[in-house]
């Protein structure tokens, strides 16, 4: 049963065809038009990246602000070679803007994985209901 769970989970994440899912659905035609777990997770990442395309990290910085940052962090570096600290100084506020959307994407991904596990556990361990919560607790700890 564990092997069946792992194989079904891998197939769902990878978007592979699984004949057992079709038989369980009891449909003769194509399986219902539902995305696999991996496809739903991938869509979350595409949404995150499409939102990032609209954000331009340098749009808030004028040439004067960049020159001032270079002057502030110049130190004893070789003339003509800007310090890496300037890059960090200018980029850190922009990265902070990405933190919340990235955490939201991560949480959505986690929820998708947990829901997928619950669906597979219900189907694979159907004959042994007392084992379901135990297996689900182990999976949640792993996730």
N, C-alpha and C. Protein backbone atom coordinates (compact mmCIF):
# COMPACT_ATOMS: atom_id res chain seq x y z
N UNK A 1 0.82 -1.19 0.00
CA UNK A 1 0.00 0.00 0.00
C UNK A 1 0.88 1.27 0.00
N UNK A 2 1.95 1.21 0.76
CA UNK A 2 2.86 2.35 0.79
C UNK A 2 3.47 2.56 -0.59
N UNK A 3 3.86 1.47 -1.22
CA UNK A 3 4.43 1.57 -2.56
C UNK A 3 3.41 2.14 -3.54
N UNK A 4 2.17 1.70 -3.43
CA UNK A 4 1.12 2.23 -4.30
C UNK A 4 0.91 3.72 -4.04
N UNK A 5 0.92 4.11 -2.76
CA UNK A 5 0.78 5.53 -2.43
C UNK A 5 1.91 6.35 -3.05
N UNK A 6 3.13 5.89 -2.86
CA UNK A 6 4.30 6.64 -3.37
C UNK A 6 4.24 6.73 -4.89
N UNK A 7 3.91 5.62 -5.55
CA UNK A 7 3.86 5.63 -7.02
C UNK A 7 2.75 6.55 -7.52
N UNK A 8 1.59 6.50 -6.90
CA UNK A 8 0.48 7.37 -7.30
C UNK A 8 0.83 8.83 -7.06
N UNK A 9 1.47 9.11 -5.94
CA UNK A 9 1.88 10.48 -5.60
C UNK A 9 2.87 11.00 -6.65
N UNK A 10 3.86 10.18 -6.98
CA UNK A 10 4.84 10.58 -8.00
C UNK A 10 4.16 10.82 -9.34
N UNK A 11 3.23 9.95 -9.71
CA UNK A 11 2.52 10.11 -10.98
C UNK A 11 1.69 11.39 -11.01
N UNK A 12 1.04 11.69 -9.89
CA UNK A 12 0.23 12.91 -9.83
C UNK A 12 1.10 14.16 -9.92
N UNK A 13 2.21 14.17 -9.23
CA UNK A 13 3.12 15.32 -9.27
C UNK A 13 3.71 15.46 -10.67
N UNK A 14 4.09 14.34 -11.27
CA UNK A 14 4.70 14.35 -12.59
C UNK A 14 3.71 14.50 -13.73
N UNK A 15 2.41 14.41 -13.43
CA UNK A 15 1.39 14.55 -14.47
C UNK A 15 1.27 13.33 -15.37
N UNK A 16 1.70 12.18 -14.88
CA UNK A 16 1.65 10.96 -15.69
C UNK A 16 0.27 10.33 -15.64
N UNK A 17 -0.06 9.62 -16.69
CA UNK A 17 -1.34 8.92 -16.76
C UNK A 17 -1.31 7.76 -15.78
N UNK A 18 -2.38 7.64 -15.01
CA UNK A 18 -2.51 6.56 -14.04
C UNK A 18 -3.85 5.88 -14.28
N UNK A 19 -3.81 4.67 -14.79
CA UNK A 19 -5.03 3.94 -15.15
C UNK A 19 -5.93 3.72 -13.95
N UNK A 20 -5.36 3.58 -12.77
CA UNK A 20 -6.18 3.36 -11.57
C UNK A 20 -7.09 4.55 -11.30
N UNK A 21 -6.63 5.74 -11.57
CA UNK A 21 -7.47 6.92 -11.37
C UNK A 21 -8.66 6.89 -12.32
N UNK A 22 -8.45 6.46 -13.53
CA UNK A 22 -9.53 6.42 -14.50
C UNK A 22 -10.56 5.35 -14.13
N UNK A 23 -10.07 4.21 -13.70
CA UNK A 23 -10.98 3.13 -13.31
C UNK A 23 -11.79 3.56 -12.09
N UNK A 24 -11.17 4.23 -11.13
CA UNK A 24 -11.87 4.68 -9.93
C UNK A 24 -12.91 5.73 -10.27
N UNK A 25 -12.63 6.53 -11.28
CA UNK A 25 -13.59 7.57 -11.66
C UNK A 25 -14.82 6.95 -12.30
N UNK A 26 -14.66 5.73 -12.88
CA UNK A 26 -15.79 5.04 -13.45
C UNK A 26 -16.30 5.65 -14.74
N UNK A 27 -15.45 6.33 -15.46
CA UNK A 27 -15.86 6.97 -16.69
C UNK A 27 -15.31 6.19 -17.87
N UNK A 28 -16.09 6.16 -18.95
CA UNK A 28 -15.65 5.45 -20.15
C UNK A 28 -14.85 6.35 -21.07
N UNK A 29 -15.17 7.62 -21.08
CA UNK A 29 -14.47 8.57 -21.94
C UNK A 29 -13.25 9.13 -21.24
N UNK A 30 -12.76 10.24 -21.75
CA UNK A 30 -11.60 10.85 -21.11
C UNK A 30 -11.92 11.23 -19.66
N UNK A 31 -10.91 11.12 -18.83
CA UNK A 31 -11.10 11.43 -17.41
C UNK A 31 -11.51 12.89 -17.27
N UNK A 32 -12.20 13.19 -16.19
CA UNK A 32 -12.66 14.55 -15.97
C UNK A 32 -11.51 15.53 -16.18
N UNK A 33 -11.86 16.73 -16.61
CA UNK A 33 -10.86 17.72 -16.97
C UNK A 33 -10.30 18.40 -15.73
N UNK A 34 -9.58 17.65 -14.91
CA UNK A 34 -8.99 18.17 -13.69
C UNK A 34 -7.48 18.11 -13.81
N UNK A 35 -6.83 19.17 -13.40
CA UNK A 35 -5.37 19.22 -13.48
C UNK A 35 -4.76 18.32 -12.42
N UNK A 36 -3.61 17.74 -12.76
CA UNK A 36 -2.90 16.92 -11.78
C UNK A 36 -2.30 17.83 -10.72
N UNK A 37 -1.85 17.23 -9.61
CA UNK A 37 -1.26 18.01 -8.53
C UNK A 37 -0.07 18.82 -8.98
N UNK A 38 0.79 18.21 -9.79
CA UNK A 38 1.97 18.91 -10.29
C UNK A 38 1.61 20.08 -11.19
N UNK A 39 0.57 19.94 -11.99
CA UNK A 39 0.15 21.02 -12.89
C UNK A 39 -0.41 22.20 -12.09
N UNK A 40 -1.14 21.91 -11.02
CA UNK A 40 -1.67 23.00 -10.19
C UNK A 40 -0.54 23.75 -9.50
N UNK A 41 0.46 23.03 -9.04
CA UNK A 41 1.61 23.67 -8.40
C UNK A 41 2.38 24.51 -9.42
N UNK A 42 2.55 23.97 -10.60
CA UNK A 42 3.27 24.69 -11.66
C UNK A 42 2.54 25.98 -12.03
N UNK A 43 1.22 25.94 -12.04
CA UNK A 43 0.44 27.14 -12.35
C UNK A 43 0.68 28.22 -11.29
N UNK A 44 0.84 27.81 -10.03
CA UNK A 44 1.14 28.76 -8.97
C UNK A 44 2.47 29.46 -9.20
N UNK A 45 3.46 28.70 -9.66
CA UNK A 45 4.76 29.30 -9.95
C UNK A 45 4.68 30.22 -11.17
N UNK A 46 3.92 29.82 -12.19
CA UNK A 46 3.75 30.69 -13.36
C UNK A 46 3.09 32.00 -12.97
N UNK A 47 2.10 31.92 -12.07
CA UNK A 47 1.43 33.14 -11.61
C UNK A 47 2.43 34.04 -10.88
N UNK A 48 3.26 33.45 -10.02
CA UNK A 48 4.26 34.23 -9.30
C UNK A 48 5.22 34.89 -10.27
N UNK A 49 5.70 34.14 -11.26
CA UNK A 49 6.66 34.69 -12.21
C UNK A 49 6.03 35.74 -13.13
N UNK A 50 4.76 35.57 -13.48
CA UNK A 50 4.11 36.58 -14.32
C UNK A 50 3.95 37.88 -13.55
N UNK A 51 3.71 37.79 -12.24
CA UNK A 51 3.64 38.99 -11.42
C UNK A 51 5.01 39.66 -11.33
N UNK A 52 6.07 38.86 -11.32
CA UNK A 52 7.43 39.41 -11.23
C UNK A 52 7.83 40.12 -12.52
N UNK A 53 7.29 39.69 -13.65
CA UNK A 53 7.62 40.33 -14.92
C UNK A 53 7.19 41.79 -14.94
N UNK A 54 6.14 42.10 -14.20
CA UNK A 54 5.63 43.47 -14.17
C UNK A 54 6.47 44.37 -13.26
N UNK A 55 7.23 43.77 -12.37
CA UNK A 55 8.04 44.55 -11.45
C UNK A 55 9.43 44.76 -12.04
N UNK A 56 9.85 45.98 -12.11
CA UNK A 56 11.19 46.33 -12.59
C UNK A 56 11.99 46.81 -11.39
N UNK A 57 13.05 46.10 -11.05
CA UNK A 57 13.82 46.38 -9.84
C UNK A 57 14.48 47.75 -9.89
N UNK A 58 14.82 48.22 -11.06
CA UNK A 58 15.56 49.48 -11.14
C UNK A 58 14.68 50.70 -11.39
N UNK A 59 13.38 50.53 -11.50
CA UNK A 59 12.51 51.65 -11.84
C UNK A 59 12.45 52.72 -10.75
N UNK A 60 12.73 52.34 -9.50
CA UNK A 60 12.67 53.30 -8.41
C UNK A 60 13.98 54.06 -8.23
N UNK A 61 15.02 53.67 -8.94
CA UNK A 61 16.33 54.28 -8.75
C UNK A 61 16.71 55.18 -9.92
N UNK A 62 16.98 56.42 -9.59
CA UNK A 62 17.47 57.35 -10.60
C UNK A 62 18.99 57.19 -10.68
N UNK A 63 19.58 57.78 -11.68
CA UNK A 63 21.05 57.73 -11.81
C UNK A 63 21.71 58.36 -10.59
N UNK A 64 21.09 59.40 -10.04
CA UNK A 64 21.65 60.09 -8.87
C UNK A 64 21.67 59.16 -7.65
N UNK A 65 20.62 58.40 -7.45
CA UNK A 65 20.55 57.46 -6.32
C UNK A 65 21.62 56.38 -6.48
N UNK A 66 21.80 55.89 -7.67
CA UNK A 66 22.80 54.85 -7.92
C UNK A 66 24.21 55.42 -7.71
N UNK A 67 24.46 56.62 -8.21
CA UNK A 67 25.77 57.25 -8.00
C UNK A 67 26.05 57.46 -6.51
N UNK A 68 25.04 57.89 -5.76
CA UNK A 68 25.20 58.10 -4.32
C UNK A 68 25.50 56.77 -3.62
N UNK A 69 24.83 55.70 -4.02
CA UNK A 69 25.08 54.39 -3.42
C UNK A 69 26.50 53.92 -3.72
N UNK A 70 26.96 54.18 -4.94
CA UNK A 70 28.35 53.80 -5.30
C UNK A 70 29.33 54.60 -4.45
N UNK A 71 29.08 55.88 -4.28
CA UNK A 71 29.97 56.72 -3.48
C UNK A 71 29.97 56.27 -2.01
N UNK A 72 28.80 55.89 -1.49
CA UNK A 72 28.70 55.48 -0.09
C UNK A 72 29.47 54.19 0.19
N UNK A 73 29.51 53.30 -0.79
CA UNK A 73 30.08 51.97 -0.56
C UNK A 73 31.37 51.75 -1.35
N UNK A 74 31.97 52.84 -1.77
CA UNK A 74 33.19 52.74 -2.58
C UNK A 74 34.37 52.22 -1.76
N UNK A 75 34.57 52.78 -0.60
CA UNK A 75 35.67 52.33 0.26
C UNK A 75 37.01 52.41 -0.45
N UNK A 76 37.81 51.38 -0.29
CA UNK A 76 39.14 51.37 -0.90
C UNK A 76 39.21 50.45 -2.12
N UNK A 77 38.06 50.26 -2.79
CA UNK A 77 38.03 49.39 -3.96
C UNK A 77 38.75 50.04 -5.13
N UNK A 78 39.09 49.25 -6.10
CA UNK A 78 39.79 49.71 -7.29
C UNK A 78 38.86 50.62 -8.09
N UNK A 79 39.33 51.80 -8.49
CA UNK A 79 38.48 52.69 -9.29
C UNK A 79 37.98 52.00 -10.56
N UNK A 80 36.71 52.19 -10.84
CA UNK A 80 36.12 51.59 -12.04
C UNK A 80 35.44 50.25 -11.76
N UNK A 81 35.71 49.68 -10.59
CA UNK A 81 35.09 48.41 -10.20
C UNK A 81 34.20 48.66 -8.98
N UNK A 82 32.92 48.63 -9.21
CA UNK A 82 31.98 48.91 -8.13
C UNK A 82 31.95 47.76 -7.13
N UNK A 83 31.83 48.10 -5.87
CA UNK A 83 31.76 47.12 -4.80
C UNK A 83 30.47 46.32 -4.90
N UNK A 84 30.53 45.09 -4.47
CA UNK A 84 29.35 44.23 -4.43
C UNK A 84 28.34 44.77 -3.42
N UNK A 85 28.84 45.47 -2.43
CA UNK A 85 27.97 46.04 -1.40
C UNK A 85 26.94 47.00 -1.99
N UNK A 86 27.30 47.69 -3.07
CA UNK A 86 26.36 48.60 -3.73
C UNK A 86 25.18 47.79 -4.27
N UNK A 87 25.49 46.68 -4.87
CA UNK A 87 24.46 45.81 -5.41
C UNK A 87 23.52 45.35 -4.29
N UNK A 88 24.08 44.88 -3.18
CA UNK A 88 23.27 44.44 -2.05
C UNK A 88 22.42 45.59 -1.49
N UNK A 89 23.04 46.75 -1.38
CA UNK A 89 22.35 47.91 -0.83
C UNK A 89 21.14 48.29 -1.68
N UNK A 90 21.30 48.27 -2.99
CA UNK A 90 20.21 48.65 -3.88
C UNK A 90 19.17 47.54 -4.06
N UNK A 91 19.63 46.30 -3.99
CA UNK A 91 18.73 45.19 -4.28
C UNK A 91 17.93 44.71 -3.07
N UNK A 92 18.45 44.89 -1.88
CA UNK A 92 17.78 44.37 -0.68
C UNK A 92 16.33 44.86 -0.56
N UNK A 93 16.02 46.16 -0.73
CA UNK A 93 14.62 46.58 -0.63
C UNK A 93 13.73 45.94 -1.70
N UNK A 94 14.29 45.69 -2.88
CA UNK A 94 13.52 45.06 -3.95
C UNK A 94 13.22 43.60 -3.61
N UNK A 95 14.20 42.93 -3.01
CA UNK A 95 13.99 41.54 -2.62
C UNK A 95 12.94 41.41 -1.52
N UNK A 96 12.88 42.38 -0.64
CA UNK A 96 11.87 42.35 0.41
C UNK A 96 10.46 42.39 -0.17
N UNK A 97 10.29 43.05 -1.30
CA UNK A 97 8.98 43.09 -1.96
C UNK A 97 8.57 41.72 -2.48
N UNK A 98 9.54 40.87 -2.74
CA UNK A 98 9.27 39.53 -3.27
C UNK A 98 8.99 38.51 -2.17
N UNK A 99 9.34 38.85 -0.95
CA UNK A 99 9.22 37.89 0.15
C UNK A 99 7.78 37.40 0.32
N UNK A 100 6.83 38.30 0.44
CA UNK A 100 5.45 37.91 0.71
C UNK A 100 4.84 37.08 -0.43
N UNK A 101 4.99 37.50 -1.72
CA UNK A 101 4.46 36.65 -2.79
C UNK A 101 5.11 35.27 -2.84
N UNK A 102 6.41 35.21 -2.53
CA UNK A 102 7.09 33.91 -2.54
C UNK A 102 6.58 33.02 -1.42
N UNK A 103 6.36 33.59 -0.25
CA UNK A 103 5.83 32.81 0.88
C UNK A 103 4.41 32.35 0.58
N UNK A 104 3.61 33.21 -0.04
CA UNK A 104 2.25 32.82 -0.43
C UNK A 104 2.28 31.65 -1.41
N UNK A 105 3.19 31.72 -2.37
CA UNK A 105 3.33 30.64 -3.36
C UNK A 105 3.76 29.34 -2.66
N UNK A 106 4.68 29.45 -1.73
CA UNK A 106 5.13 28.29 -0.98
C UNK A 106 3.99 27.67 -0.17
N UNK A 107 3.19 28.51 0.48
CA UNK A 107 2.05 28.00 1.25
C UNK A 107 1.02 27.33 0.35
N UNK A 108 0.75 27.92 -0.81
CA UNK A 108 -0.19 27.31 -1.77
C UNK A 108 0.33 25.95 -2.23
N UNK A 109 1.61 25.89 -2.49
CA UNK A 109 2.23 24.63 -2.92
C UNK A 109 2.08 23.57 -1.83
N UNK A 110 2.34 23.96 -0.59
CA UNK A 110 2.19 23.03 0.53
C UNK A 110 0.76 22.53 0.64
N UNK A 111 -0.21 23.42 0.53
CA UNK A 111 -1.61 23.01 0.63
C UNK A 111 -2.00 22.05 -0.49
N UNK A 112 -1.50 22.32 -1.70
CA UNK A 112 -1.78 21.43 -2.83
C UNK A 112 -1.21 20.03 -2.56
N UNK A 113 0.02 19.98 -2.05
CA UNK A 113 0.64 18.69 -1.76
C UNK A 113 -0.10 17.95 -0.65
N UNK A 114 -0.54 18.68 0.36
CA UNK A 114 -1.27 18.05 1.46
C UNK A 114 -2.63 17.52 0.98
N UNK A 115 -3.34 18.29 0.17
CA UNK A 115 -4.64 17.84 -0.36
C UNK A 115 -4.46 16.61 -1.25
N UNK A 116 -3.41 16.63 -2.06
CA UNK A 116 -3.13 15.49 -2.93
C UNK A 116 -2.87 14.24 -2.10
N UNK A 117 -2.08 14.37 -1.04
CA UNK A 117 -1.80 13.23 -0.16
C UNK A 117 -3.08 12.71 0.47
N UNK A 118 -3.91 13.61 0.94
CA UNK A 118 -5.16 13.18 1.58
C UNK A 118 -6.04 12.41 0.60
N UNK A 119 -6.14 12.87 -0.64
CA UNK A 119 -6.95 12.17 -1.64
C UNK A 119 -6.40 10.78 -1.93
N UNK A 120 -5.10 10.69 -2.07
CA UNK A 120 -4.48 9.39 -2.38
C UNK A 120 -4.60 8.45 -1.19
N UNK A 121 -4.39 8.96 0.01
CA UNK A 121 -4.49 8.11 1.21
C UNK A 121 -5.91 7.57 1.34
N UNK A 122 -6.91 8.41 1.10
CA UNK A 122 -8.29 7.93 1.19
C UNK A 122 -8.55 6.80 0.21
N UNK A 123 -7.97 6.89 -0.98
CA UNK A 123 -8.20 5.86 -1.98
C UNK A 123 -7.38 4.60 -1.72
N UNK A 124 -6.10 4.76 -1.38
CA UNK A 124 -5.23 3.59 -1.22
C UNK A 124 -5.53 2.82 0.07
N UNK A 125 -5.80 3.55 1.15
CA UNK A 125 -6.04 2.90 2.44
C UNK A 125 -7.53 2.79 2.75
N UNK A 126 -8.34 2.67 1.72
CA UNK A 126 -9.79 2.61 1.87
C UNK A 126 -10.22 1.45 2.78
N UNK A 127 -9.55 0.33 2.68
CA UNK A 127 -9.94 -0.85 3.45
C UNK A 127 -9.51 -0.78 4.91
N UNK A 128 -8.62 0.16 5.25
CA UNK A 128 -8.09 0.26 6.61
C UNK A 128 -8.24 1.70 7.13
N UNK A 129 -9.46 2.12 7.45
CA UNK A 129 -9.70 3.49 7.92
C UNK A 129 -8.88 3.93 9.13
N UNK A 130 -8.61 3.04 10.10
CA UNK A 130 -7.82 3.51 11.26
C UNK A 130 -6.38 3.92 10.91
N UNK A 131 -5.87 3.41 9.80
CA UNK A 131 -4.49 3.72 9.42
C UNK A 131 -4.39 5.09 8.74
N UNK A 132 -5.45 5.56 8.14
CA UNK A 132 -5.42 6.82 7.38
C UNK A 132 -4.85 8.00 8.18
N UNK A 133 -5.38 8.30 9.38
CA UNK A 133 -4.84 9.46 10.10
C UNK A 133 -3.37 9.30 10.49
N UNK A 134 -2.97 8.06 10.79
CA UNK A 134 -1.57 7.82 11.16
C UNK A 134 -0.66 8.11 9.98
N UNK A 135 -1.03 7.59 8.80
CA UNK A 135 -0.23 7.83 7.60
C UNK A 135 -0.24 9.32 7.25
N UNK A 136 -1.39 9.96 7.38
CA UNK A 136 -1.48 11.39 7.05
C UNK A 136 -0.60 12.21 8.00
N UNK A 137 -0.57 11.86 9.28
CA UNK A 137 0.30 12.57 10.23
C UNK A 137 1.77 12.44 9.84
N UNK A 138 2.16 11.26 9.42
CA UNK A 138 3.55 11.04 8.99
C UNK A 138 3.86 11.87 7.75
N UNK A 139 2.94 11.89 6.79
CA UNK A 139 3.13 12.67 5.56
C UNK A 139 3.23 14.15 5.88
N UNK A 140 2.38 14.65 6.76
CA UNK A 140 2.41 16.08 7.13
C UNK A 140 3.75 16.42 7.78
N UNK A 141 4.27 15.53 8.61
CA UNK A 141 5.58 15.78 9.21
C UNK A 141 6.67 15.83 8.15
N UNK A 142 6.58 14.97 7.15
CA UNK A 142 7.58 14.96 6.07
C UNK A 142 7.46 16.23 5.24
N UNK A 143 6.23 16.62 4.93
CA UNK A 143 6.04 17.85 4.13
C UNK A 143 6.52 19.05 4.91
